[in-house]
Protein backbone atom coordinates (compact mmCIF):
# COMPACT_ATOMS: atom_id res chain seq x y z
CA MET A 1 50.63 109.57 116.24
CA ARG A 2 53.18 111.39 118.40
CA LYS A 3 55.38 109.09 120.46
CA GLN A 4 54.51 109.43 124.14
CA VAL A 5 57.27 110.11 126.60
CA VAL A 6 57.45 107.66 129.50
CA THR A 7 58.35 109.51 132.68
CA GLU A 8 60.06 108.15 135.79
CA GLY A 9 56.79 108.66 137.65
CA MET A 10 54.99 106.42 135.15
CA ARG A 11 57.68 103.76 135.50
CA ARG A 12 57.46 103.75 139.28
CA LEU A 13 53.69 103.35 139.19
CA GLY A 14 53.74 100.78 136.39
CA ILE A 15 51.36 102.71 134.13
CA SER A 16 51.25 103.30 130.37
CA HIS A 17 49.60 106.72 130.42
CA PRO A 18 50.59 109.95 132.23
CA PHE A 19 47.39 110.05 134.27
CA LEU A 20 45.80 108.07 137.07
CA GLN A 21 42.56 107.95 139.04
CA GLY A 22 42.36 109.77 142.35
CA PRO A 23 41.06 107.82 145.36
CA PHE A 24 37.62 108.54 146.81
CA GLY A 25 36.77 108.08 150.48
CA GLY A 26 33.34 108.03 152.06
CA GLY A 27 32.25 104.90 150.21
CA LEU A 28 32.55 106.51 146.75
CA SER A 29 35.26 104.14 145.50
CA SER A 30 34.45 100.78 143.96
CA ALA A 31 36.50 97.74 142.97
CA ARG A 32 34.82 97.93 139.58
CA LEU A 33 36.11 101.46 139.01
CA VAL A 34 39.64 100.61 140.14
CA ALA A 35 39.82 97.60 137.85
CA ALA A 36 38.34 99.44 134.88
CA VAL A 37 40.99 102.17 135.14
CA THR A 38 43.88 99.78 135.76
CA ASN A 39 42.84 97.51 132.90
CA ARG A 40 43.23 100.46 130.53
CA GLY A 41 46.88 100.93 131.47
CA SER A 42 46.39 103.59 134.12
CA LEU A 43 46.29 103.29 137.93
CA GLY A 44 43.01 102.72 139.71
CA SER A 45 42.82 103.84 143.34
CA PHE A 46 40.52 102.89 146.23
CA GLY A 47 39.91 105.16 149.21
CA CYS A 48 40.05 102.90 152.29
CA GLN A 49 39.42 105.65 154.86
CA PRO A 50 35.97 104.24 155.89
CA LEU A 51 37.18 100.62 156.19
CA ASP A 52 38.43 98.59 159.12
CA GLY A 53 41.25 96.08 158.80
CA ASP A 54 39.04 93.25 157.57
CA GLY A 55 37.43 95.55 155.02
CA ILE A 56 40.81 96.55 153.60
CA GLY A 57 41.83 92.94 153.15
CA GLN A 58 38.53 92.14 151.49
CA ILE A 59 38.65 95.04 149.03
CA ALA A 60 42.19 94.13 148.00
CA GLN A 61 40.95 90.63 147.19
CA GLU A 62 37.99 91.99 145.21
CA ILE A 63 40.23 94.24 143.13
CA ARG A 64 42.70 91.45 142.42
CA ALA A 65 39.83 89.28 141.21
CA LEU A 66 39.10 91.92 138.56
CA THR A 67 42.58 92.97 137.44
CA SER A 68 46.17 91.74 137.43
CA GLY A 69 47.55 95.25 136.98
CA PRO A 70 48.79 97.79 139.55
CA PHE A 71 46.36 99.59 141.84
CA ALA A 72 46.55 101.84 144.88
CA LEU A 73 44.94 101.66 148.28
CA ASN A 74 44.65 105.03 150.03
CA LEU A 75 44.59 105.86 153.76
CA TRP A 76 44.43 108.96 155.94
CA VAL A 77 47.56 109.08 158.11
CA SER A 78 45.88 111.42 160.57
CA GLY A 79 42.72 109.52 161.42
CA SER A 80 41.21 111.98 163.88
CA ASP A 81 41.34 115.52 165.19
CA PRO A 82 41.46 116.28 168.93
CA GLY A 83 38.17 115.13 170.43
CA GLY A 84 37.14 113.29 167.28
CA LEU A 85 37.56 109.83 168.76
CA ASP A 86 38.07 110.52 172.49
CA PHE A 87 34.74 112.34 172.73
CA THR A 88 32.73 112.80 175.91
CA ALA A 89 29.04 112.16 176.53
CA ALA A 90 28.57 115.91 176.90
CA GLU A 91 30.12 116.56 173.49
CA VAL A 92 27.91 113.94 171.85
CA ALA A 93 24.83 115.48 173.47
CA ARG A 94 25.84 118.93 172.20
CA VAL A 95 26.27 117.72 168.64
CA LYS A 96 23.02 115.76 168.76
CA ARG A 97 21.16 118.97 169.60
CA LEU A 98 22.68 120.68 166.55
CA PHE A 99 21.62 117.84 164.26
CA ALA A 100 18.20 117.22 165.81
CA PRO A 101 16.20 119.59 163.52
CA TRP A 102 17.73 118.03 160.40
CA PHE A 103 16.93 114.46 161.43
CA ALA A 104 13.44 115.50 162.56
CA GLU A 105 12.74 116.98 159.12
CA LEU A 106 13.56 113.58 157.64
CA GLY A 107 11.40 111.75 160.17
CA ALA A 108 14.36 110.05 161.82
CA ASP A 109 15.85 109.91 165.30
CA VAL A 110 19.31 111.29 165.91
CA PRO A 111 21.76 108.38 166.29
CA GLU A 112 24.41 108.28 168.97
CA PRO A 113 27.89 106.72 168.80
CA LYS A 114 28.45 104.34 171.71
CA SER A 115 32.22 104.04 171.32
CA PRO A 116 35.07 105.29 169.11
CA GLN A 117 34.68 102.12 167.02
CA ASP A 118 31.29 103.44 165.87
CA VAL A 119 33.00 106.54 164.52
CA GLY A 120 36.21 105.39 162.85
CA THR A 121 39.08 102.89 162.67
CA PRO A 122 42.54 103.95 163.90
CA PHE A 123 45.22 104.37 161.23
CA ASP A 124 47.51 101.81 162.93
CA GLU A 125 44.93 99.05 162.48
CA GLN A 126 44.27 100.10 158.90
CA VAL A 127 47.92 100.27 157.84
CA ASP A 128 48.67 96.86 159.38
CA ALA A 129 45.94 95.40 157.19
CA LEU A 130 47.20 97.28 154.15
CA LEU A 131 50.74 95.97 154.63
CA GLU A 132 49.34 92.45 154.87
CA ALA A 133 47.31 92.98 151.69
CA ARG A 134 50.41 94.26 149.84
CA PRO A 135 48.83 96.49 147.21
CA PRO A 136 51.23 97.55 144.45
CA VAL A 137 50.82 101.18 145.56
CA PHE A 138 50.08 102.73 148.98
CA SER A 139 48.90 106.32 148.64
CA PHE A 140 48.19 108.46 151.69
CA VAL A 141 46.98 111.89 152.71
CA PHE A 142 46.92 114.05 155.85
CA GLY A 143 50.50 113.34 156.85
CA VAL A 144 53.63 111.24 156.49
CA PRO A 145 53.70 107.64 157.76
CA SER A 146 56.47 106.70 160.17
CA ALA A 147 59.87 105.62 158.90
CA LYS A 148 59.00 102.11 160.12
CA ILE A 149 55.90 101.97 157.91
CA LEU A 150 57.71 103.37 154.87
CA SER A 151 60.49 100.84 155.39
CA ALA A 152 57.94 98.03 155.63
CA CYS A 153 56.47 99.17 152.32
CA LYS A 154 59.89 99.14 150.68
CA ASP A 155 60.57 95.64 152.00
CA ARG A 156 57.30 94.46 150.47
CA GLY A 157 57.82 96.21 147.14
CA ILE A 158 54.94 98.64 147.76
CA VAL A 159 55.31 102.00 146.00
CA THR A 160 54.51 104.92 148.33
CA VAL A 161 52.72 108.10 147.22
CA GLY A 162 52.04 111.02 149.58
CA ALA A 163 49.97 114.17 149.07
CA ALA A 164 51.05 117.77 149.65
CA THR A 165 49.18 121.08 149.61
CA SER A 166 52.27 123.27 150.12
CA ILE A 167 55.98 123.40 149.35
CA ALA A 168 56.79 122.54 152.96
CA GLU A 169 54.62 119.41 152.86
CA ALA A 170 56.18 118.29 149.57
CA VAL A 171 59.67 118.71 151.04
CA ALA A 172 58.68 116.78 154.18
CA LEU A 173 57.41 113.88 152.06
CA ASP A 174 60.54 113.96 149.91
CA GLU A 175 62.83 113.91 152.94
CA ALA A 176 60.89 110.92 154.26
CA GLY A 177 61.74 109.04 151.06
CA VAL A 178 58.34 108.53 149.45
CA ASP A 179 58.35 107.32 145.84
CA ALA A 180 56.08 110.03 144.41
CA ILE A 181 54.35 113.20 145.62
CA VAL A 182 50.87 114.40 144.70
CA ALA A 183 50.83 118.21 144.57
CA THR A 184 47.14 118.92 145.09
CA GLY A 185 45.72 122.36 144.46
CA PHE A 186 42.66 123.91 146.02
CA GLU A 187 40.62 123.42 142.82
CA ALA A 188 40.27 119.73 143.69
CA GLY A 189 37.02 118.21 144.86
CA GLY A 190 36.89 116.51 148.24
CA HIS A 191 39.15 117.11 151.21
CA ARG A 192 42.04 119.51 151.47
CA VAL A 193 44.70 117.14 152.79
CA SER A 194 46.98 119.61 154.58
CA PHE A 195 49.05 118.43 157.54
CA LEU A 196 51.66 121.08 158.40
CA ALA A 197 49.29 124.04 158.55
CA ARG A 198 45.55 124.61 158.66
CA ALA A 199 43.91 123.77 155.36
CA GLU A 200 42.60 127.33 155.14
CA GLU A 201 46.22 128.50 155.14
CA SER A 202 47.28 126.08 152.38
CA LEU A 203 45.03 127.08 149.50
CA MET A 204 47.50 127.22 146.62
CA GLY A 205 46.28 126.52 143.09
CA THR A 206 47.47 123.42 141.25
CA PHE A 207 49.35 125.24 138.52
CA ALA A 208 51.27 127.36 141.00
CA LEU A 209 51.98 124.48 143.38
CA VAL A 210 53.19 121.93 140.80
CA PRO A 211 56.21 123.82 139.43
CA LEU A 212 57.16 125.06 142.89
CA CYS A 213 57.24 121.49 144.20
CA ALA A 214 58.86 119.99 141.08
CA ARG A 215 61.89 122.28 141.45
CA ARG A 216 62.37 121.42 145.13
CA VAL A 217 61.92 117.65 145.44
CA LYS A 218 63.67 114.60 144.00
CA ALA A 219 60.58 112.38 143.84
CA PRO A 220 58.33 112.56 140.76
CA VAL A 221 55.46 115.02 141.17
CA ILE A 222 51.86 114.10 140.35
CA ALA A 223 49.58 117.07 139.66
CA ALA A 224 46.06 117.00 141.14
CA GLY A 225 43.20 119.47 141.30
CA GLY A 226 41.14 120.77 138.40
CA VAL A 227 42.48 118.20 135.91
CA ILE A 228 39.65 116.54 134.04
CA ASP A 229 40.81 116.25 130.42
CA GLY A 230 43.82 115.96 128.13
CA ALA A 231 44.39 119.70 128.11
CA GLY A 232 44.79 119.63 131.89
CA VAL A 233 47.16 116.68 131.70
CA ARG A 234 49.31 118.44 129.09
CA ALA A 235 49.42 121.62 131.18
CA ALA A 236 50.45 119.65 134.28
CA LEU A 237 53.27 117.93 132.41
CA ALA A 238 54.46 121.21 130.92
CA LEU A 239 54.77 122.66 134.44
CA GLY A 240 56.94 119.86 135.76
CA ALA A 241 54.55 117.09 136.80
CA GLN A 242 55.33 113.58 135.56
CA VAL A 243 51.78 112.27 135.97
CA ALA A 244 48.38 113.92 136.46
CA GLN A 245 45.76 112.71 138.92
CA ILE A 246 42.15 112.90 137.76
CA GLY A 247 39.43 112.69 140.37
CA THR A 248 36.03 114.20 139.63
CA ALA A 249 35.98 113.03 135.99
CA PHE A 250 36.32 109.42 137.19
CA LEU A 251 33.87 110.00 140.05
CA ALA A 252 31.29 110.99 137.42
CA CYS A 253 31.67 107.65 135.61
CA GLU A 254 29.05 104.96 136.01
CA GLU A 255 31.66 102.60 137.49
CA SER A 256 32.15 104.73 140.62
CA ASN A 257 30.07 104.21 143.75
CA ALA A 258 28.71 107.74 143.81
CA THR A 259 24.91 107.89 143.90
CA ALA A 260 22.94 108.56 140.75
CA GLU A 261 21.95 111.92 142.25
CA HIS A 262 25.58 112.85 142.87
CA LYS A 263 26.60 111.94 139.33
CA ALA A 264 23.71 113.91 137.88
CA ALA A 265 24.72 116.91 139.98
CA LEU A 266 28.25 116.76 138.58
CA PHE A 267 26.79 117.28 135.11
CA GLY A 268 24.25 119.86 136.29
CA GLU A 269 24.33 123.63 136.52
CA GLY A 270 25.11 123.48 140.23
CA ALA A 271 28.58 122.06 139.52
CA ALA A 272 29.67 125.57 138.58
CA HIS A 273 29.14 126.61 142.22
CA THR A 274 31.38 124.78 144.67
CA THR A 275 32.44 125.75 148.16
CA LEU A 276 34.99 124.79 150.78
CA THR A 277 33.35 123.71 154.03
CA ARG A 278 34.09 121.84 157.26
CA SER A 279 30.42 121.18 157.90
CA PHE A 280 30.27 117.66 156.47
CA THR A 281 33.20 115.95 158.17
CA GLY A 282 34.91 118.49 160.41
CA ARG A 283 37.73 118.83 157.86
CA LEU A 284 37.84 121.31 154.99
CA ALA A 285 36.53 119.89 151.72
CA ARG A 286 35.19 121.13 148.38
CA GLY A 287 31.74 120.17 147.15
CA ILE A 288 28.75 121.57 145.31
CA SER A 289 26.96 124.30 147.23
CA ASN A 290 23.62 123.08 148.54
CA ARG A 291 21.17 123.70 151.34
CA TRP A 292 23.43 122.04 153.90
CA THR A 293 26.48 124.17 153.07
CA ARG A 294 24.36 127.33 153.12
CA GLU A 295 22.39 126.69 156.31
CA ALA A 296 24.63 124.39 158.35
CA GLY A 297 27.97 125.63 157.09
CA ALA A 298 28.26 128.21 159.85
CA MET A 299 27.16 125.95 162.71
CA GLU A 300 29.73 124.89 165.29
CA HIS A 301 30.92 121.57 163.89
CA ALA A 302 32.38 118.68 165.84
CA PRO A 303 35.95 117.48 165.21
CA TYR A 304 36.67 114.81 162.60
CA PRO A 305 35.50 112.03 162.55
CA LEU A 306 32.72 112.70 165.08
CA GLN A 307 31.14 115.26 162.75
CA GLN A 308 31.37 112.76 159.91
CA PHE A 309 29.52 110.14 161.97
CA PHE A 310 26.46 112.37 162.22
CA THR A 311 26.50 113.56 158.59
CA ARG A 312 27.00 109.96 157.43
CA GLU A 313 23.91 108.91 159.37
CA LEU A 314 22.05 111.97 158.08
CA ARG A 315 22.88 110.87 154.53
CA LYS A 316 21.35 107.44 155.23
CA ALA A 317 18.23 109.10 156.65
CA ALA A 318 17.99 111.36 153.60
CA GLN A 319 18.21 108.44 151.20
CA ALA A 320 15.55 106.51 153.13
CA HIS A 321 13.28 109.56 153.19
CA VAL A 322 13.61 110.14 149.45
CA ALA A 323 12.84 106.48 148.74
CA VAL A 324 9.52 106.82 150.56
CA ALA A 325 8.47 110.44 150.16
CA GLY A 326 10.59 111.83 147.34
CA GLY A 327 12.06 115.31 147.53
CA ASP A 328 15.55 116.69 147.15
CA ALA A 329 17.19 115.53 150.39
CA ALA A 330 19.50 113.21 148.41
CA THR A 331 21.29 116.26 147.02
CA GLU A 332 20.55 119.06 149.49
CA VAL A 333 21.77 117.62 152.82
CA VAL A 334 24.59 115.35 151.64
CA PRO A 335 28.13 116.07 150.42
CA LEU A 336 28.51 116.29 146.66
CA TRP A 337 32.28 116.40 146.28
CA CYS A 338 33.20 118.20 143.10
CA SER A 339 36.18 119.85 141.39
CA GLN A 340 36.01 123.47 140.25
CA ALA A 341 36.56 122.14 136.71
CA ALA A 342 33.43 119.97 136.69
CA PRO A 343 31.40 122.16 134.29
CA ASN A 344 33.63 120.82 131.49
CA LEU A 345 32.86 117.15 132.23
CA GLN A 346 31.80 115.17 129.15
CA HIS A 347 32.16 111.43 129.74
CA LYS A 348 30.14 108.96 131.80
CA THR A 349 32.15 105.74 131.52
CA VAL A 350 35.77 104.90 132.20
CA ASN A 351 36.37 103.68 128.67
CA ALA A 352 34.93 106.83 127.10
CA LEU A 353 36.96 109.06 129.42
CA ILE A 354 40.24 107.22 128.85
CA ASP A 355 39.65 107.02 125.10
CA ALA A 356 39.23 110.80 125.05
CA LEU A 357 42.30 111.38 127.23
CA ILE A 358 44.48 109.18 125.01
CA ALA A 359 43.18 110.83 121.83
CA ASP A 360 43.72 114.30 123.28
CA LEU A 361 47.26 113.49 124.36
CA GLY A 362 48.00 112.25 120.85
């Protein structure tokens, strides 16, 4: 067996393999998944974007009960777009009218947020809880935390990992002193995490972005987007990355909190047809094309996270409707986040996936 090189990025993250699990927001992460990945010598990650401060503390405890190894908690630095939390009654009424036909089809009333707390938790509250929880790794997207927060992480021995979708964002993270930078290409499933320009203006592919960033920053680069197997990991390393981030392949594993319908879709024919849309959350994200993206994709969406409040409630209504009446609402009106590389997925458990990755890396 070929001796594996241990990169500086691997050392900083405390991992034995040159790949890690990407974090999933929207309730798709699970403590079980994080622990399963970490216990195999990689880095499990939990997307804390939907959680309040108490929830972040609780999930850190749950993960630590399952593993003694390193893990990451992930937050969105930019927790709202203009109007997303400071919304007016008129704006809520407008959005309710847009969603009314969809809820009516599912036999449900359109919900209404009564306060910003119904819609999302501010980043400041979340990061305070994260610092108290002291995860080994703090990963973040949609921006750069303040120098005060990064300093607090260093004081607590928390490794910091930021995400970039452009050269400029990678340089900004490097100048801020983060410990590692995720260069994420537009092939990736889920949200485009741009913060210096509109996401639509930052659609560079992974294998163009990685070498461009690696030559311009001091921090180790982690490649993300379209990496689902050993071949992708090897390609990322050859282009200057020190670690590869794997998202959709872990999302498809039974240990994740994705629904059975979502996991089945990742292995289905529809996974070959993904699209970038703002219609689910108000922010640009890649998922499998379905009825919602086709029919609601062009409607005037609300800003994040107000738009996400309504689609989150629509997802609950869809699941309730399917449980009683059947039908395809569980896949046709909900987000099915998915990488462009998903048609090559093969494995359905963490152990099977990591076994294959290790064997392929030789």
